[in-house]
Protein backbone atom coordinates (compact mmCIF):
# COMPACT_ATOMS: atom_id res chain seq x y z
CA MET A 1 -53.09 59.64 0.00
CA ILE A 2 -56.13 61.23 -1.64
CA GLY A 3 -56.37 63.96 0.99
CA TYR A 4 -52.81 65.11 0.42
CA ARG A 5 -53.43 65.32 -3.33
CA VAL A 6 -56.67 67.29 -2.85
CA LYS A 7 -54.90 69.77 -0.58
CA SER A 8 -51.88 70.06 -2.85
CA LEU A 9 -53.96 70.63 -5.98
CA ARG A 10 -56.27 73.06 -4.20
CA GLU A 11 -53.32 75.09 -2.92
CA GLU A 12 -51.65 75.06 -6.36
CA ARG A 13 -54.78 76.78 -7.64
CA LYS A 14 -54.68 79.27 -4.76
CA MET A 15 -58.13 78.14 -3.67
CA SER A 16 -59.35 78.06 -0.07
CA ILE A 17 -61.28 75.16 1.42
CA SER A 18 -64.30 77.49 1.60
CA GLU A 19 -64.03 78.29 -2.10
CA LEU A 20 -63.65 74.64 -3.09
CA SER A 21 -66.61 73.78 -0.89
CA ALA A 22 -68.84 76.48 -2.35
CA LYS A 23 -67.99 75.58 -5.94
CA SER A 24 -68.14 71.80 -5.51
CA GLY A 25 -71.05 71.49 -3.13
CA VAL A 26 -68.95 69.36 -0.76
CA ALA A 27 -69.06 70.46 2.90
CA LYS A 28 -66.04 72.40 4.19
CA SER A 29 -65.77 70.06 7.16
CA TYR A 30 -65.66 67.05 4.83
CA ILE A 31 -62.95 68.58 2.65
CA SER A 32 -60.96 69.50 5.75
CA SER A 33 -61.29 65.96 7.12
CA LEU A 34 -60.30 64.55 3.74
CA GLU A 35 -57.21 66.76 3.51
CA ARG A 36 -56.14 65.79 7.04
CA ASN A 37 -56.65 62.12 6.15
CA LEU A 38 -59.33 61.69 8.79
CA GLN A 39 -61.73 60.78 5.98
CA THR A 40 -59.94 58.17 3.88
CA ASN A 41 -62.73 56.61 1.82
CA PRO A 42 -64.58 59.34 -0.11
CA THR A 43 -67.27 58.34 -2.57
CA ILE A 44 -66.70 58.60 -6.31
CA LEU A 45 -69.41 61.30 -6.38
CA VAL A 46 -67.45 63.46 -3.92
CA LEU A 47 -64.22 62.92 -5.87
CA GLU A 48 -65.98 63.83 -9.13
CA LYS A 49 -67.29 67.07 -7.63
CA ILE A 50 -63.86 68.04 -6.31
CA ALA A 51 -62.03 66.98 -9.48
CA ARG A 52 -64.38 69.01 -11.68
CA ILE A 53 -63.66 72.20 -9.76
CA LEU A 54 -59.91 71.50 -9.72
CA CYS A 55 -60.08 70.86 -13.51
CA ILE A 56 -58.58 67.40 -13.23
CA LYS A 57 -59.68 63.83 -13.77
CA VAL A 58 -60.72 61.73 -10.77
CA ASP A 59 -57.78 59.53 -11.71
CA ALA A 60 -55.44 62.35 -10.67
CA LEU A 61 -56.79 62.13 -7.12
CA LEU A 62 -56.57 58.35 -6.96
CA ASN A 63 -53.12 57.75 -8.45
CA GLU A 64 -49.68 58.62 -7.14
CA GLN A 65 -48.61 60.31 -10.38
CA PRO A 66 -51.55 62.25 -11.75
CA ASP A 67 -51.80 63.32 -15.38
CA LYS A 68 -51.01 67.03 -15.31
CA SER A 69 -51.73 67.65 -18.96
CA MET A 70 -53.67 70.87 -18.37
CA ASP A 71 -51.51 73.89 -17.57
CA GLU A 72 -52.51 76.76 -15.28
CA ASP A 73 -53.81 78.99 -18.10
CA TRP A 74 -56.10 76.27 -19.45
CA MET A 75 -57.39 75.51 -15.96
CA GLU A 76 -58.23 79.19 -15.43
CA ILE A 77 -59.97 79.38 -18.81
CA MET A 78 -62.00 76.26 -18.09
CA GLN A 79 -63.00 77.55 -14.65
CA ASP A 80 -64.18 80.77 -16.31
CA VAL A 81 -66.18 78.78 -18.86
CA MET A 82 -67.73 76.58 -16.18
CA GLY A 83 -68.59 79.64 -14.07
CA SER A 84 -70.19 81.43 -17.00
CA GLY A 85 -73.05 78.97 -17.29
CA ILE A 86 -72.07 77.66 -20.71
CA SER A 87 -73.13 74.03 -21.02
CA LYS A 88 -70.82 71.29 -22.26
CA GLU A 89 -72.93 70.96 -25.38
CA GLU A 90 -72.73 74.69 -26.10
CA MET A 91 -68.94 74.55 -25.68
CA ARG A 92 -68.69 71.56 -28.02
CA GLU A 93 -70.80 73.40 -30.61
CA PHE A 94 -68.59 76.47 -30.32
CA ILE A 95 -65.44 74.39 -30.84
CA GLN A 96 -66.99 72.59 -33.80
CA ASP A 97 -68.06 75.91 -35.37
CA ARG A 98 -64.53 77.29 -34.96
CA LYS A 99 -63.06 74.20 -36.62
CA LEU A 100 -65.44 74.53 -39.56
CA MET A 101 -64.66 78.22 -39.89
CA SER A 102 -60.92 77.50 -39.92
CA LEU A 103 -61.40 74.88 -42.63
CA ARG A 104 -63.40 77.28 -44.77
CA ILE A 105 -60.79 80.01 -44.40
CA ALA A 106 -58.03 77.54 -45.29
CA GLN A 107 -59.90 76.59 -48.48
CA LEU A 108 -60.01 80.22 -49.71
């Protein structure tokens, strides 16, 4: 069930319902209902908001065996990045710049 997975992933990240609600913009009461399987048909928009804060793909909420390719450290780093106000484009540019710098250093 989606609600069980939301609750499990939220608790793994030591996040309260209030914290998930504040960060995702999804009402606490809705998240609570979802986790208790009272709400069983959330919209894709709601799942996207929750998944983004939990640093997972929506697919991980929908499928029995989610892809857990991102370890705890990476999730924490990504939450810090998202909370800092850095845009996706700025992050992509930073990564690209680092790759170019590494190539230049390797050529020396």
